[in-house]
Protein backbone atom coordinates (compact mmCIF):
# COMPACT_ATOMS: atom_id res chain seq x y z
CA VAL A 1 5.80 -0.07 -6.92
CA PRO A 2 7.43 -0.53 -3.50
CA TYR A 3 4.98 0.52 -0.79
CA SER A 4 5.22 3.65 1.35
CA LYS A 5 2.55 5.78 3.02
CA LEU A 6 3.49 8.78 0.84
CA LYS A 7 3.07 6.75 -2.36
CA GLN A 8 -0.25 5.39 -1.10
CA GLU A 9 -1.58 8.92 -0.50
CA ILE A 10 -0.46 10.03 -3.97
CA VAL A 11 -2.13 7.00 -5.56
CA LYS A 12 -5.37 7.71 -3.62
CA ILE A 13 -5.44 11.23 -5.08
CA LEU A 14 -4.77 9.88 -8.60
CA LEU A 15 -7.69 7.47 -8.12
CA ASP A 16 -10.02 10.22 -6.87
CA GLU A 17 -9.06 12.48 -9.80
CA GLY A 18 -9.73 9.69 -12.33
CA PHE A 19 -6.16 9.14 -13.55
CA ILE A 20 -6.01 5.44 -12.57
CA LEU A 21 -8.57 2.63 -12.36
CA ASP A 22 -7.65 1.02 -9.05
CA PHE A 23 -4.83 0.05 -6.71
CA LYS A 24 -4.23 -2.52 -4.03
CA ILE A 25 -1.55 -3.26 -1.46
CA GLU A 26 0.15 -6.62 -2.01
CA GLU A 27 2.01 -8.33 0.78
CA ILE A 28 4.88 -10.52 -0.41
CA LYS A 29 5.06 -13.91 1.28
CA GLY A 30 8.14 -14.23 3.47
CA LYS A 31 9.13 -10.56 3.11
CA VAL A 32 8.45 -7.46 5.18
CA GLN A 33 8.23 -5.12 2.16
CA LYS A 34 4.81 -4.58 0.54
CA ASN A 35 4.03 -3.51 -3.02
CA LEU A 36 1.42 -1.19 -4.53
CA LEU A 37 -0.27 -2.69 -7.58
CA ILE A 38 -1.68 0.11 -9.75
CA SER A 39 -4.13 -0.39 -12.64
CA LEU A 40 -3.59 2.36 -15.20
CA LYS A 41 -6.50 3.94 -17.04
CA TYR A 42 -6.72 4.17 -20.84
CA LYS A 43 -9.08 5.89 -23.29
CA GLY A 44 -8.93 3.57 -26.26
CA THR A 45 -5.21 3.09 -26.81
CA GLU A 46 -4.20 6.45 -25.26
CA ARG A 47 -3.15 6.53 -21.63
CA VAL A 48 -4.92 9.04 -19.39
CA ILE A 49 -1.74 10.18 -17.63
CA LYS A 50 0.29 12.07 -20.21
CA GLY A 51 3.12 12.85 -17.82
CA ILE A 52 4.10 13.16 -14.19
CA ARG A 53 6.75 15.67 -13.18
CA ARG A 54 8.29 15.71 -9.72
CA VAL A 55 8.64 19.31 -8.58
CA SER A 56 9.98 19.24 -5.03
CA LYS A 57 13.14 17.17 -4.65
CA PRO A 58 15.21 16.35 -1.56
CA GLY A 59 17.89 18.85 -2.63
CA ILE A 60 15.48 21.61 -3.66
CA ARG A 61 12.20 21.85 -1.76
CA LEU A 62 9.48 24.04 -3.32
CA TYR A 63 6.88 25.55 -0.98
CA SER A 64 3.95 27.69 -2.05
CA THR A 65 1.08 29.61 -0.51
CA ALA A 66 -2.51 29.13 -1.67
CA GLU A 67 -2.45 32.38 -3.65
CA LYS A 68 0.76 31.54 -5.51
CA LEU A 69 0.02 27.91 -6.40
CA PRO A 70 0.94 27.20 -10.02
CA LYS A 71 -1.76 26.12 -12.48
CA VAL A 72 -0.92 22.91 -14.30
CA LEU A 73 -1.71 22.99 -18.04
CA ASN A 74 -3.90 26.08 -17.51
CA GLY A 75 -6.13 24.21 -15.05
CA LEU A 76 -6.42 20.94 -17.02
CA GLY A 77 -3.77 19.14 -14.96
CA THR A 78 -3.44 18.54 -11.24
CA ALA A 79 -0.79 19.51 -8.73
CA ILE A 80 -0.38 17.38 -5.61
CA ILE A 81 0.68 19.29 -2.50
CA SER A 82 1.78 18.02 0.90
CA THR A 83 0.16 20.13 3.63
CA SER A 84 -0.34 20.00 7.37
CA LYS A 85 -3.73 18.34 6.66
CA GLY A 86 -2.24 15.62 4.43
CA MET A 87 -1.84 15.34 0.67
CA LEU A 88 -4.25 17.57 -1.28
CA THR A 89 -4.81 18.61 -4.87
CA ASP A 90 -4.29 22.20 -5.92
CA LYS A 91 -8.06 22.76 -6.16
CA GLU A 92 -8.69 21.53 -2.60
CA GLU A 93 -5.76 23.59 -1.40
CA ARG A 94 -7.16 26.81 -2.86
CA THR A 95 -10.58 26.24 -1.28
CA GLN A 96 -9.04 25.55 2.16
CA ASN A 97 -6.54 28.42 1.74
CA LEU A 98 -3.53 26.34 2.82
CA GLY A 99 0.08 26.36 1.73
CA GLY A 100 2.51 23.50 1.47
CA GLU A 101 5.20 21.65 -0.40
CA VAL A 102 4.43 21.16 -4.11
CA MET A 103 5.20 17.49 -4.71
CA LEU A 104 4.32 16.80 -8.34
CA PHE A 105 2.37 17.82 -11.43
CA VAL A 106 0.12 15.40 -13.35
């Protein structure tokens, strides 16, 4: 995946939540652009990530308060939210009582 700081923060959250095994930043020789190499996690032959849905898009931004955050798969999934304190999961967001832009559902 082409590198950006936003993608790196999202991948860090996926790693902390146990959706991926590992990631590393790869610098390409002779180029300025870097890449993110992501190792996906499997349980047997089934992948751990069943689906990722982007919620907030450049044309339609979706903001939410801590009280009105949506639950993903009745609490089994994870929502990633961009806040003033960085990228957080929906669980961390509720404990810190912050609001922000809902980026994606896993």
